[in-house]
Amino acid sequence: PGDTIVPKWSVHALGYTGKPSYSSSGADGSAKHSPLIQSFAVFNQLQGRVTSNRRNLQTSSTPEPDYQSTISLSGIMIQGGGFSDYLYIDGTTEAYIILLYPSGQLGFTLVSPDGTTIDPAYATSNPSIVGYEDSEVFGSKIALYALINPAVGSWQIQVTGNLVLEPQIPFAVSGLLLQPAITLKSSLASPSVTSGTSLVFVAEPSDSNGPIRGALAQVTVESPDGTLTTLNLMDDGLTPDAYADDGVYTGSFITTSQAGNYRAAVSVEGTVPPLFSREVFVLGSVSAATATVNNFSDAPLDNDSDGLFNQLVISF
């Protein structure tokens, strides 16, 4: 959950947008991402557009674009260090490959399946097929490439520690695909359980032909104390999986002694054609309360016969 970060050129491509701009400098940080939503100056500039002629505001019955996320790549970067790995991009008309990190300046380069090296200079020279932006978002750094009709295949991701201000910093890279043929839905059989009860994760990859079988499905769970645990989700018909080979992958996370929120990343990869990778984030909660109440009843009493209740008697 949160903001969907897209380059401004993709928003300005919408014909009905007004494309207003606001500039600030010096002590006035209103034009920055975080202060923007709290700036009275920005509000005053936009107020007329959103409070007048409300019945004439642009509306559309077109559903919002559906994006699916690839698996995430992550690591730790030091000054002068380097990282290289691959993301598989399957058929889509538009993809965003996004790098997130907390501070400093990391180099970010892509190599397409045909060997083309894509860096910020390449994006500047080829704006019809790739865009590049980097900025600060809520005190962290984000860099992204927007790819138009990207080639299907394995894209090499290269990250370098150009300016690392701390001894080391974490980073993560992922891809967003616009309306791909293959989608992933993931859920918990019960999103809230009591301590000691398993969280049961379910993953359902599919395409136009129906459920996708024979994939590799996993979930990585972060417990309230920060411990990470990875387990396989199976489609073998053994409990908790209901039916074998139906394209529904299931697994139980049994280590739920801690009360609190359990954050999880559910990932599925195609091991045979169609090749793909997808990731969905799921949140479960565990309560420490285990007491139950049986034979509960309540009875209001009007002791002085004035038509108003004076007491509520609860029995269990």
C-alpha atoms as a PDB file:
ATOM      1  CA  PRO A   1       0.000   0.000   0.000  1.00  0.00           C
ATOM      2  CA  GLY A   2       1.041   3.551  -0.548  1.00  0.00           C
ATOM      3  CA  ASP A   3       1.894   5.860  -3.418  1.00  0.00           C
ATOM      4  CA  THR A   4       2.274   4.531  -6.928  1.00  0.00           C
ATOM      5  CA  ILE A   5       5.371   6.304  -8.243  1.00  0.00           C
ATOM      6  CA  VAL A   6       5.300   7.018 -11.979  1.00  0.00           C
ATOM      7  CA  PRO A   7       7.299   9.472 -14.122  1.00  0.00           C
ATOM      8  CA  LYS A   8       5.573  12.795 -14.775  1.00  0.00           C
ATOM      9  CA  TRP A   9       5.683  12.332 -18.543  1.00  0.00           C
ATOM     10  CA  SER A  10       3.341   9.344 -18.241  1.00  0.00           C
ATOM     11  CA  VAL A  11       0.770  11.469 -16.364  1.00  0.00           C
ATOM     12  CA  HIS A  12       1.120  14.394 -18.769  1.00  0.00           C
ATOM     13  CA  ALA A  13       0.268  12.020 -21.608  1.00  0.00           C
ATOM     14  CA  LEU A  14      -3.343  12.093 -20.348  1.00  0.00           C
ATOM     15  CA  GLY A  15      -5.116  14.679 -22.482  1.00  0.00           C
ATOM     16  CA  TYR A  16      -7.550  15.819 -19.804  1.00  0.00           C
ATOM     17  CA  THR A  17      -4.931  16.756 -17.172  1.00  0.00           C
ATOM     18  CA  GLY A  18      -4.270  20.442 -16.503  1.00  0.00           C
ATOM     19  CA  LYS A  19      -0.513  19.973 -15.934  1.00  0.00           C
ATOM     20  CA  PRO A  20      -0.102  22.744 -13.320  1.00  0.00           C
ATOM     21  CA  SER A  21       3.350  23.259 -11.826  1.00  0.00           C
ATOM     22  CA  TYR A  22       4.653  24.748  -8.607  1.00  0.00           C
ATOM     23  CA  SER A  23       8.216  25.860  -7.840  1.00  0.00           C
ATOM     24  CA  SER A  24       9.853  26.579  -4.507  1.00  0.00           C
ATOM     25  CA  SER A  25      13.365  27.377  -3.362  1.00  0.00           C
ATOM     26  CA  GLY A  26      15.408  28.163  -0.274  1.00  0.00           C
ATOM     27  CA  ALA A  27      13.554  27.651   2.988  1.00  0.00           C
ATOM     28  CA  ASP A  28      10.300  27.010   1.112  1.00  0.00           C
ATOM     29  CA  GLY A  29      10.228  23.238   0.512  1.00  0.00           C
ATOM     30  CA  SER A  30       6.611  23.115  -0.664  1.00  0.00           C
ATOM     31  CA  ALA A  31       7.505  21.627  -4.040  1.00  0.00           C
ATOM     32  CA  LYS A  32       9.117  18.557  -2.475  1.00  0.00           C
ATOM     33  CA  HIS A  33       7.186  15.290  -2.397  1.00  0.00           C
ATOM     34  CA  SER A  34       6.440  15.101   1.324  1.00  0.00           C
ATOM     35  CA  PRO A  35       5.690  18.801   2.117  1.00  0.00           C
ATOM     36  CA  LEU A  36       3.577  19.058  -1.058  1.00  0.00           C
ATOM     37  CA  ILE A  37       0.503  17.523   0.574  1.00  0.00           C
ATOM     38  CA  GLN A  38       0.668  19.946   3.518  1.00  0.00           C
ATOM     39  CA  SER A  39       1.416  23.175   1.612  1.00  0.00           C
ATOM     40  CA  PHE A  40      -1.208  25.928   1.786  1.00  0.00           C
ATOM     41  CA  ALA A  41       0.408  27.591  -1.232  1.00  0.00           C
ATOM     42  CA  VAL A  42      -0.110  24.484  -3.341  1.00  0.00           C
ATOM     43  CA  PHE A  43      -3.664  24.104  -1.995  1.00  0.00           C
ATOM     44  CA  ASN A  44      -4.475  27.716  -2.878  1.00  0.00           C
ATOM     45  CA  GLN A  45      -3.217  27.156  -6.423  1.00  0.00           C
ATOM     46  CA  LEU A  46      -5.392  24.056  -6.876  1.00  0.00           C
ATOM     47  CA  GLN A  47      -8.421  25.039  -4.800  1.00  0.00           C
ATOM     48  CA  GLY A  48     -10.376  26.504  -7.715  1.00  0.00           C
ATOM     49  CA  ARG A  49      -9.932  23.359  -9.780  1.00  0.00           C
ATOM     50  CA  VAL A  50     -11.329  20.996  -7.151  1.00  0.00           C
ATOM     51  CA  THR A  51     -13.999  23.064  -5.375  1.00  0.00           C
ATOM     52  CA  SER A  52     -15.822  24.770  -8.269  1.00  0.00           C
ATOM     53  CA  ASN A  53     -17.981  23.230 -10.981  1.00  0.00           C
ATOM     54  CA  ARG A  54     -17.724  19.920  -9.212  1.00  0.00           C
ATOM     55  CA  ARG A  55     -20.325  18.360 -11.478  1.00  0.00           C
ATOM     56  CA  ASN A  56     -18.139  19.103 -14.497  1.00  0.00           C
ATOM     57  CA  LEU A  57     -14.957  17.481 -13.205  1.00  0.00           C
ATOM     58  CA  GLN A  58     -13.464  14.853 -15.512  1.00  0.00           C
ATOM     59  CA  THR A  59     -14.906  11.417 -14.842  1.00  0.00           C
ATOM     60  CA  SER A  60     -14.291   8.122 -16.543  1.00  0.00           C
ATOM     61  CA  SER A  61     -15.767   4.664 -16.356  1.00  0.00           C
ATOM     62  CA  THR A  62     -12.442   3.180 -17.432  1.00  0.00           C
ATOM     63  CA  PRO A  63     -11.000   1.019 -14.627  1.00  0.00           C
ATOM     64  CA  GLU A  64      -7.649   1.939 -13.141  1.00  0.00           C
ATOM     65  CA  PRO A  65      -4.654   0.230 -14.770  1.00  0.00           C
ATOM     66  CA  ASP A  66      -3.794  -3.119 -13.234  1.00  0.00           C
ATOM     67  CA  TYR A  67      -0.131  -3.501 -12.329  1.00  0.00           C
ATOM     68  CA  GLN A  68       1.532  -6.708 -11.225  1.00  0.00           C
ATOM     69  CA  SER A  69       4.854  -6.830  -9.407  1.00  0.00           C
ATOM     70  CA  THR A  70       7.778  -9.077 -10.263  1.00  0.00           C
ATOM     71  CA  ILE A  71       9.790 -10.700  -7.505  1.00  0.00           C
ATOM     72  CA  SER A  72      12.030  -8.301  -5.594  1.00  0.00           C
ATOM     73  CA  LEU A  73      15.817  -8.306  -5.552  1.00  0.00           C
ATOM     74  CA  SER A  74      17.586  -6.913  -2.502  1.00  0.00           C
ATOM     75  CA  GLY A  75      21.022  -6.533  -1.035  1.00  0.00           C
ATOM     76  CA  ILE A  76      23.474  -4.471   1.001  1.00  0.00           C
ATOM     77  CA  MET A  77      25.675  -1.867  -0.692  1.00  0.00           C
ATOM     78  CA  ILE A  78      29.015  -0.425   0.457  1.00  0.00           C
ATOM     79  CA  GLN A  79      31.022   2.429  -1.018  1.00  0.00           C
ATOM     80  CA  GLY A  80      32.414   1.311  -4.370  1.00  0.00           C
ATOM     81  CA  GLY A  81      30.515  -1.978  -4.236  1.00  0.00           C
ATOM     82  CA  GLY A  82      28.536  -3.619  -6.996  1.00  0.00           C
ATOM     83  CA  PHE A  83      25.496  -5.859  -7.434  1.00  0.00           C
ATOM     84  CA  SER A  84      24.185  -7.779 -10.435  1.00  0.00           C
ATOM     85  CA  ASP A  85      21.156 -10.031 -10.830  1.00  0.00           C
ATOM     86  CA  TYR A  86      18.265 -10.668 -13.229  1.00  0.00           C
ATOM     87  CA  LEU A  87      14.557  -9.887 -13.394  1.00  0.00           C
ATOM     88  CA  TYR A  88      12.399 -11.762 -15.883  1.00  0.00           C
ATOM     89  CA  ILE A  89      10.012  -9.484 -17.766  1.00  0.00           C
ATOM     90  CA  ASP A  90       7.166 -11.249 -19.561  1.00  0.00           C
ATOM     91  CA  GLY A  91       4.763  -9.764 -22.077  1.00  0.00           C
ATOM     92  CA  THR A  92       3.599  -6.235 -21.260  1.00  0.00           C
ATOM     93  CA  THR A  93       3.265  -2.909 -23.066  1.00  0.00           C
ATOM     94  CA  GLU A  94       4.783  -0.942 -20.199  1.00  0.00           C
ATOM     95  CA  ALA A  95       7.077  -1.823 -17.312  1.00  0.00           C
ATOM     96  CA  TYR A  96       8.722   0.104 -14.510  1.00  0.00           C
ATOM     97  CA  ILE A  97      11.929  -1.157 -12.928  1.00  0.00           C
ATOM     98  CA  ILE A  98      12.384   0.567  -9.590  1.00  0.00           C
ATOM     99  CA  LEU A  99      15.347   0.956  -7.223  1.00  0.00           C
ATOM    100  CA  LEU A 100      14.717   2.006  -3.605  1.00  0.00           C
ATOM    101  CA  TYR A 101      17.417   2.907  -1.060  1.00  0.00           C
ATOM    102  CA  PRO A 102      17.676   5.191   1.981  1.00  0.00           C
ATOM    103  CA  SER A 103      20.455   7.698   1.243  1.00  0.00           C
ATOM    104  CA  GLY A 104      23.514   8.605  -0.806  1.00  0.00           C
ATOM    105  CA  GLN A 105      23.660   7.936  -4.547  1.00  0.00           C
ATOM    106  CA  LEU A 106      23.554   4.495  -6.158  1.00  0.00           C
ATOM    107  CA  GLY A 107      24.276   3.865  -9.807  1.00  0.00           C
ATOM    108  CA  PHE A 108      21.462   2.028 -11.612  1.00  0.00           C
ATOM    109  CA  THR A 109      21.853   0.378 -15.025  1.00  0.00           C
ATOM    110  CA  LEU A 110      19.858  -2.183 -17.007  1.00  0.00           C
ATOM    111  CA  VAL A 111      20.986  -4.590 -19.697  1.00  0.00           C
ATOM    112  CA  SER A 112      18.168  -5.778 -21.956  1.00  0.00           C
ATOM    113  CA  PRO A 113      17.877  -9.400 -23.199  1.00  0.00           C
ATOM    114  CA  ASP A 114      19.494  -8.356 -26.507  1.00  0.00           C
ATOM    115  CA  GLY A 115      22.528  -6.878 -24.699  1.00  0.00           C
ATOM    116  CA  THR A 116      21.621  -3.180 -24.901  1.00  0.00           C
ATOM    117  CA  THR A 117      22.956  -1.216 -21.915  1.00  0.00           C
ATOM    118  CA  ILE A 118      20.358   1.218 -20.597  1.00  0.00           C
ATOM    119  CA  ASP A 119      21.533   4.002 -18.315  1.00  0.00           C
ATOM    120  CA  PRO A 120      20.242   7.557 -17.703  1.00  0.00           C
ATOM    121  CA  ALA A 121      22.143   8.870 -20.743  1.00  0.00           C
ATOM    122  CA  TYR A 122      20.561   6.203 -22.972  1.00  0.00           C
ATOM    123  CA  ALA A 123      17.121   7.144 -21.638  1.00  0.00           C
ATOM    124  CA  THR A 124      17.728  10.810 -22.460  1.00  0.00           C
ATOM    125  CA  SER A 125      18.678   9.885 -26.032  1.00  0.00           C
ATOM    126  CA  ASN A 126      15.766   7.453 -26.531  1.00  0.00           C
ATOM    127  CA  PRO A 127      12.726   9.005 -24.826  1.00  0.00           C
ATOM    128  CA  SER A 128      10.223   7.150 -27.033  1.00  0.00           C
ATOM    129  CA  ILE A 129      11.161   3.753 -25.598  1.00  0.00           C
ATOM    130  CA  VAL A 130      12.577   4.439 -22.134  1.00  0.00           C
ATOM    131  CA  GLY A 131      12.269   7.126 -19.469  1.00  0.00           C
ATOM    132  CA  TYR A 132      14.381   7.633 -16.345  1.00  0.00           C
ATOM    133  CA  GLU A 133      13.765   9.590 -13.156  1.00  0.00           C
ATOM    134  CA  ASP A 134      15.337   9.735  -9.717  1.00  0.00           C
ATOM    135  CA  SER A 135      14.063  11.665  -6.718  1.00  0.00           C
ATOM    136  CA  GLU A 136      13.532  11.673  -2.963  1.00  0.00           C
ATOM    137  CA  VAL A 137      10.357  10.216  -1.477  1.00  0.00           C
ATOM    138  CA  PHE A 138       9.650  10.641   2.256  1.00  0.00           C
ATOM    139  CA  GLY A 139      13.353  10.945   3.025  1.00  0.00           C
ATOM    140  CA  SER A 140      14.447   7.964   0.912  1.00  0.00           C
ATOM    141  CA  LYS A 141      15.737   7.668  -2.639  1.00  0.00           C
ATOM    142  CA  ILE A 142      13.971   6.195  -5.645  1.00  0.00           C
ATOM    143  CA  ALA A 143      15.212   5.701  -9.197  1.00  0.00           C
ATOM    144  CA  LEU A 144      13.141   4.143 -11.955  1.00  0.00           C
ATOM    145  CA  TYR A 145      13.204   3.236 -15.611  1.00  0.00           C
ATOM    146  CA  ALA A 146       9.953   3.274 -17.568  1.00  0.00           C
ATOM    147  CA  LEU A 147      10.137   0.808 -20.464  1.00  0.00           C
ATOM    148  CA  ILE A 148       7.741   0.950 -23.410  1.00  0.00           C
ATOM    149  CA  ASN A 149       7.086  -2.445 -25.029  1.00  0.00           C
ATOM    150  CA  PRO A 150      10.055  -4.033 -23.242  1.00  0.00           C
ATOM    151  CA  ALA A 151      11.631  -7.165 -24.695  1.00  0.00           C
ATOM    152  CA  VAL A 152      10.528 -10.421 -23.101  1.00  0.00           C
ATOM    153  CA  GLY A 153      13.307 -12.188 -21.228  1.00  0.00           C
ATOM    154  CA  SER A 154      15.866 -11.794 -18.469  1.00  0.00           C
ATOM    155  CA  TRP A 155      16.889  -8.195 -17.786  1.00  0.00           C
ATOM    156  CA  GLN A 156      20.189  -7.726 -15.977  1.00  0.00           C
ATOM    157  CA  ILE A 157      20.042  -5.310 -13.038  1.00  0.00           C
ATOM    158  CA  GLN A 158      23.280  -3.542 -12.100  1.00  0.00           C
ATOM    159  CA  VAL A 159      23.596  -1.416  -8.957  1.00  0.00           C
ATOM    160  CA  THR A 160      26.795   0.331  -7.862  1.00  0.00           C
ATOM    161  CA  GLY A 161      27.765   2.183  -4.682  1.00  0.00           C
ATOM    162  CA  ASN A 162      28.674   5.553  -6.179  1.00  0.00           C
ATOM    163  CA  LEU A 163      28.171   7.492  -2.945  1.00  0.00           C
ATOM    164  CA  VAL A 164      27.388   5.466   0.192  1.00  0.00           C
ATOM    165  CA  LEU A 165      27.279   7.765   3.213  1.00  0.00           C
ATOM    166  CA  GLU A 166      26.924   5.008   5.813  1.00  0.00           C
ATOM    167  CA  PRO A 167      29.167   1.952   6.291  1.00  0.00           C
ATOM    168  CA  GLN A 168      26.487   0.057   4.352  1.00  0.00           C
ATOM    169  CA  ILE A 169      22.919   0.614   3.161  1.00  0.00           C
ATOM    170  CA  PRO A 170      20.130  -1.743   2.067  1.00  0.00           C
ATOM    171  CA  PHE A 171      18.473  -1.499  -1.336  1.00  0.00           C
ATOM    172  CA  ALA A 172      15.701  -3.259  -3.244  1.00  0.00           C
ATOM    173  CA  VAL A 173      14.801  -3.560  -6.932  1.00  0.00           C
ATOM    174  CA  SER A 174      11.475  -4.699  -8.366  1.00  0.00           C
ATOM    175  CA  GLY A 175       9.453  -4.437 -11.544  1.00  0.00           C
ATOM    176  CA  LEU A 176       5.890  -3.275 -12.147  1.00  0.00           C
ATOM    177  CA  LEU A 177       4.168  -4.635 -15.254  1.00  0.00           C
ATOM    178  CA  LEU A 178       1.105  -3.015 -16.806  1.00  0.00           C
ATOM    179  CA  GLN A 179      -1.775  -5.458 -17.345  1.00  0.00           C
ATOM    180  CA  PRO A 180       0.334  -8.554 -18.023  1.00  0.00           C
ATOM    181  CA  ALA A 181      -1.337 -11.761 -19.189  1.00  0.00           C
ATOM    182  CA  ILE A 182      -0.208 -13.593 -16.034  1.00  0.00           C
ATOM    183  CA  THR A 183      -1.523 -12.407 -12.670  1.00  0.00           C
ATOM    184  CA  LEU A 184      -1.060 -13.493  -9.076  1.00  0.00           C
ATOM    185  CA  LYS A 185      -3.628 -13.330  -6.298  1.00  0.00           C
ATOM    186  CA  SER A 186      -2.579 -14.143  -2.762  1.00  0.00           C
ATOM    187  CA  SER A 187      -4.409 -14.212   0.549  1.00  0.00           C
ATOM    188  CA  LEU A 188      -4.568 -15.694   4.007  1.00  0.00           C
ATOM    189  CA  ALA A 189      -7.191 -18.333   4.801  1.00  0.00           C
ATOM    190  CA  SER A 190      -7.787 -16.274   7.947  1.00  0.00           C
ATOM    191  CA  PRO A 191      -6.007 -12.894   8.211  1.00  0.00           C
ATOM    192  CA  SER A 192      -6.356 -12.783  12.015  1.00  0.00           C
ATOM    193  CA  VAL A 193      -5.610 -15.745  14.296  1.00  0.00           C
ATOM    194  CA  THR A 194      -4.804 -16.325  17.941  1.00  0.00           C
ATOM    195  CA  SER A 195      -1.355 -17.139  19.262  1.00  0.00           C
ATOM    196  CA  GLY A 196      -0.272 -20.653  18.363  1.00  0.00           C
ATOM    197  CA  THR A 197      -2.667 -20.930  15.393  1.00  0.00           C
ATOM    198  CA  SER A 198      -1.089 -21.257  11.952  1.00  0.00           C
ATOM    199  CA  LEU A 199      -1.284 -18.518   9.321  1.00  0.00           C
ATOM    200  CA  VAL A 200      -2.286 -20.314   6.109  1.00  0.00           C
ATOM    201  CA  PHE A 201      -1.047 -18.595   2.931  1.00  0.00           C
ATOM    202  CA  VAL A 202      -2.668 -19.159  -0.471  1.00  0.00           C
ATOM    203  CA  ALA A 203      -1.207 -18.200  -3.885  1.00  0.00           C
ATOM    204  CA  GLU A 204      -3.167 -18.387  -7.146  1.00  0.00           C
ATOM    205  CA  PRO A 205      -1.258 -17.602 -10.370  1.00  0.00           C
ATOM    206  CA  SER A 206      -3.317 -17.609 -13.549  1.00  0.00           C
ATOM    207  CA  ASP A 207      -3.521 -16.497 -17.162  1.00  0.00           C
ATOM    208  CA  SER A 208      -6.237 -16.513 -19.823  1.00  0.00           C
ATOM    209  CA  ASN A 209      -6.136 -20.315 -19.860  1.00  0.00           C
ATOM    210  CA  GLY A 210      -6.834 -20.591 -16.130  1.00  0.00           C
ATOM    211  CA  PRO A 211      -4.689 -21.592 -13.127  1.00  0.00           C
ATOM    212  CA  ILE A 212      -0.959 -22.095 -13.731  1.00  0.00           C
ATOM    213  CA  ARG A 213       0.352 -25.445 -12.509  1.00  0.00           C
ATOM    214  CA  GLY A 214       3.892 -26.613 -11.886  1.00  0.00           C
ATOM    215  CA  ALA A 215       5.181 -23.260 -10.591  1.00  0.00           C
ATOM    216  CA  LEU A 216       7.545 -22.590  -7.680  1.00  0.00           C
ATOM    217  CA  ALA A 217       5.678 -20.762  -4.899  1.00  0.00           C
ATOM    218  CA  GLN A 218       7.157 -19.440  -1.656  1.00  0.00           C
ATOM    219  CA  VAL A 219       6.358 -17.037   1.141  1.00  0.00           C
ATOM    220  CA  THR A 220       8.841 -15.082   3.241  1.00  0.00           C
ATOM    221  CA  VAL A 221       7.324 -14.055   6.568  1.00  0.00           C
ATOM    222  CA  GLU A 222       8.632 -11.334   8.883  1.00  0.00           C
ATOM    223  CA  SER A 223       7.605 -12.006  12.494  1.00  0.00           C
ATOM    224  CA  PRO A 224       6.954  -9.122  14.911  1.00  0.00           C
ATOM    225  CA  ASP A 225      10.538  -9.392  16.244  1.00  0.00           C
ATOM    226  CA  GLY A 226      11.975  -9.045  12.718  1.00  0.00           C
ATOM    227  CA  THR A 227      12.851 -12.709  12.186  1.00  0.00           C
ATOM    228  CA  LEU A 228      12.530 -13.808   8.538  1.00  0.00           C
ATOM    229  CA  THR A 229      11.297 -17.276   7.622  1.00  0.00           C
ATOM    230  CA  THR A 230      10.831 -18.680   4.110  1.00  0.00           C
ATOM    231  CA  LEU A 231       8.631 -21.687   3.369  1.00  0.00           C
ATOM    232  CA  ASN A 232       7.342 -23.374   0.226  1.00  0.00           C
ATOM    233  CA  LEU A 233       3.712 -23.243  -0.804  1.00  0.00           C
ATOM    234  CA  MET A 234       2.615 -26.590  -2.194  1.00  0.00           C
ATOM    235  CA  ASP A 235       0.016 -27.813  -4.679  1.00  0.00           C
ATOM    236  CA  ASP A 236       0.124 -31.464  -3.636  1.00  0.00           C
ATOM    237  CA  GLY A 237      -3.257 -32.003  -2.015  1.00  0.00           C
ATOM    238  CA  LEU A 238      -1.723 -32.517   1.422  1.00  0.00           C
ATOM    239  CA  THR A 239      -3.059 -30.441   4.309  1.00  0.00           C
ATOM    240  CA  PRO A 240      -3.464 -27.485   4.208  1.00  0.00           C
ATOM    241  CA  ASP A 241      -3.641 -27.739   0.380  1.00  0.00           C
ATOM    242  CA  ALA A 242      -7.131 -28.855  -0.642  1.00  0.00           C
ATOM    243  CA  TYR A 243      -6.557 -30.371  -4.088  1.00  0.00           C
ATOM    244  CA  ALA A 244      -3.433 -31.573  -5.871  1.00  0.00           C
ATOM    245  CA  ASP A 245      -2.343 -29.931  -9.124  1.00  0.00           C
ATOM    246  CA  ASP A 246      -5.179 -27.395  -9.285  1.00  0.00           C
ATOM    247  CA  GLY A 247      -2.911 -24.342  -9.506  1.00  0.00           C
ATOM    248  CA  VAL A 248      -3.670 -23.224  -5.945  1.00  0.00           C
ATOM    249  CA  TYR A 249      -0.538 -23.240  -3.758  1.00  0.00           C
ATOM    250  CA  THR A 250      -0.911 -23.392   0.024  1.00  0.00           C
ATOM    251  CA  GLY A 251       1.342 -23.445   3.078  1.00  0.00           C
ATOM    252  CA  SER A 252       1.108 -23.068   6.854  1.00  0.00           C
ATOM    253  CA  PHE A 253       3.316 -20.770   8.914  1.00  0.00           C
ATOM    254  CA  ILE A 254       3.200 -22.350  12.354  1.00  0.00           C
ATOM    255  CA  THR A 255       5.565 -20.122  14.367  1.00  0.00           C
ATOM    256  CA  THR A 256       2.958 -17.692  15.675  1.00  0.00           C
ATOM    257  CA  SER A 257       3.783 -17.506  19.382  1.00  0.00           C
ATOM    258  CA  GLN A 258       4.398 -13.738  19.164  1.00  0.00           C
ATOM    259  CA  ALA A 259       1.432 -11.385  19.125  1.00  0.00           C
ATOM    260  CA  GLY A 260       1.507  -8.665  16.488  1.00  0.00           C
ATOM    261  CA  ASN A 261       1.634  -8.182  12.721  1.00  0.00           C
ATOM    262  CA  TYR A 262       3.234 -10.706  10.388  1.00  0.00           C
ATOM    263  CA  ARG A 263       4.314  -9.175   7.083  1.00  0.00           C
ATOM    264  CA  ALA A 264       4.776 -11.566   4.199  1.00  0.00           C
ATOM    265  CA  ALA A 265       5.958 -11.532   0.578  1.00  0.00           C
ATOM    266  CA  VAL A 266       4.351 -14.272  -1.509  1.00  0.00           C
ATOM    267  CA  SER A 267       6.286 -15.060  -4.705  1.00  0.00           C
ATOM    268  CA  VAL A 268       5.564 -17.404  -7.609  1.00  0.00           C
ATOM    269  CA  GLU A 269       7.884 -18.221 -10.509  1.00  0.00           C
ATOM    270  CA  GLY A 270       7.168 -20.203 -13.641  1.00  0.00           C
ATOM    271  CA  THR A 271       9.661 -23.050 -13.992  1.00  0.00           C
ATOM    272  CA  VAL A 272       8.486 -24.063 -17.482  1.00  0.00           C
ATOM    273  CA  PRO A 273       6.792 -21.919 -20.150  1.00  0.00           C
ATOM    274  CA  PRO A 274       5.142 -19.592 -19.594  1.00  0.00           C
ATOM    275  CA  LEU A 275       8.092 -18.126 -17.677  1.00  0.00           C
ATOM    276  CA  PHE A 276       7.248 -15.328 -15.243  1.00  0.00           C
ATOM    277  CA  SER A 277       7.755 -14.050 -11.724  1.00  0.00           C
ATOM    278  CA  ARG A 278       5.184 -12.372  -9.510  1.00  0.00           C
ATOM    279  CA  GLU A 279       5.104 -11.088  -5.946  1.00  0.00           C
ATOM    280  CA  VAL A 280       2.277  -9.972  -3.661  1.00  0.00           C
ATOM    281  CA  PHE A 281       2.540  -8.597  -0.128  1.00  0.00           C
ATOM    282  CA  VAL A 282       0.172  -9.940   2.530  1.00  0.00           C
ATOM    283  CA  LEU A 283      -0.395  -8.892   6.144  1.00  0.00           C
ATOM    284  CA  GLY A 284      -1.586 -11.194   8.925  1.00  0.00           C
ATOM    285  CA  SER A 285      -2.109 -10.519  12.604  1.00  0.00           C
ATOM    286  CA  VAL A 286      -1.820 -12.707  15.678  1.00  0.00           C
ATOM    287  CA  SER A 287      -3.629 -11.947  18.922  1.00  0.00           C
ATOM    288  CA  ALA A 288      -2.401 -13.073  22.339  1.00  0.00           C
ATOM    289  CA  ALA A 289      -5.987 -13.454  23.595  1.00  0.00           C
ATOM    290  CA  THR A 290      -7.022 -17.105  23.767  1.00  0.00           C
ATOM    291  CA  ALA A 291      -9.966 -16.952  26.205  1.00  0.00           C
ATOM    292  CA  THR A 292     -13.444 -17.894  24.981  1.00  0.00           C
ATOM    293  CA  VAL A 293     -16.850 -17.210  26.516  1.00  0.00           C
ATOM    294  CA  ASN A 294     -19.694 -19.735  26.339  1.00  0.00           C
ATOM    295  CA  ASN A 295     -23.413 -19.380  27.143  1.00  0.00           C
ATOM    296  CA  PHE A 296     -23.247 -15.588  27.140  1.00  0.00           C
ATOM    297  CA  SER A 297     -26.473 -13.680  27.913  1.00  0.00           C
ATOM    298  CA  ASP A 298     -27.492 -10.212  28.983  1.00  0.00           C
ATOM    299  CA  ALA A 299     -30.677  -8.803  30.591  1.00  0.00           C
ATOM    300  CA  PRO A 300     -31.494  -5.103  31.128  1.00  0.00           C
ATOM    301  CA  LEU A 301     -33.342  -4.256  34.387  1.00  0.00           C
ATOM    302  CA  ASP A 302     -35.765  -1.395  35.098  1.00  0.00           C
ATOM    303  CA  ASN A 303     -35.660  -1.333  38.909  1.00  0.00           C
ATOM    304  CA  ASP A 304     -37.882   1.710  39.447  1.00  0.00           C
ATOM    305  CA  SER A 305     -40.443   1.033  36.705  1.00  0.00           C
ATOM    306  CA  ASP A 306     -39.876   4.386  34.990  1.00  0.00           C
ATOM    307  CA  GLY A 307     -39.378   2.866  31.561  1.00  0.00           C
ATOM    308  CA  LEU A 308     -35.615   3.381  31.688  1.00  0.00           C
ATOM    309  CA  PHE A 309     -33.045   0.666  32.307  1.00  0.00           C
ATOM    310  CA  ASN A 310     -30.989   0.983  35.470  1.00  0.00           C
ATOM    311  CA  GLN A 311     -28.801  -2.119  35.195  1.00  0.00           C
ATOM    312  CA  LEU A 312     -27.482  -4.559  32.648  1.00  0.00           C
ATOM    313  CA  VAL A 313     -26.993  -8.078  34.026  1.00  0.00           C
ATOM    314  CA  ILE A 314     -24.466 -10.161  32.066  1.00  0.00           C
ATOM    315  CA  SER A 315     -24.266 -13.896  32.621  1.00  0.00           C
ATOM    316  CA  PHE A 316     -21.865 -16.487  31.224  1.00  0.00           C
END
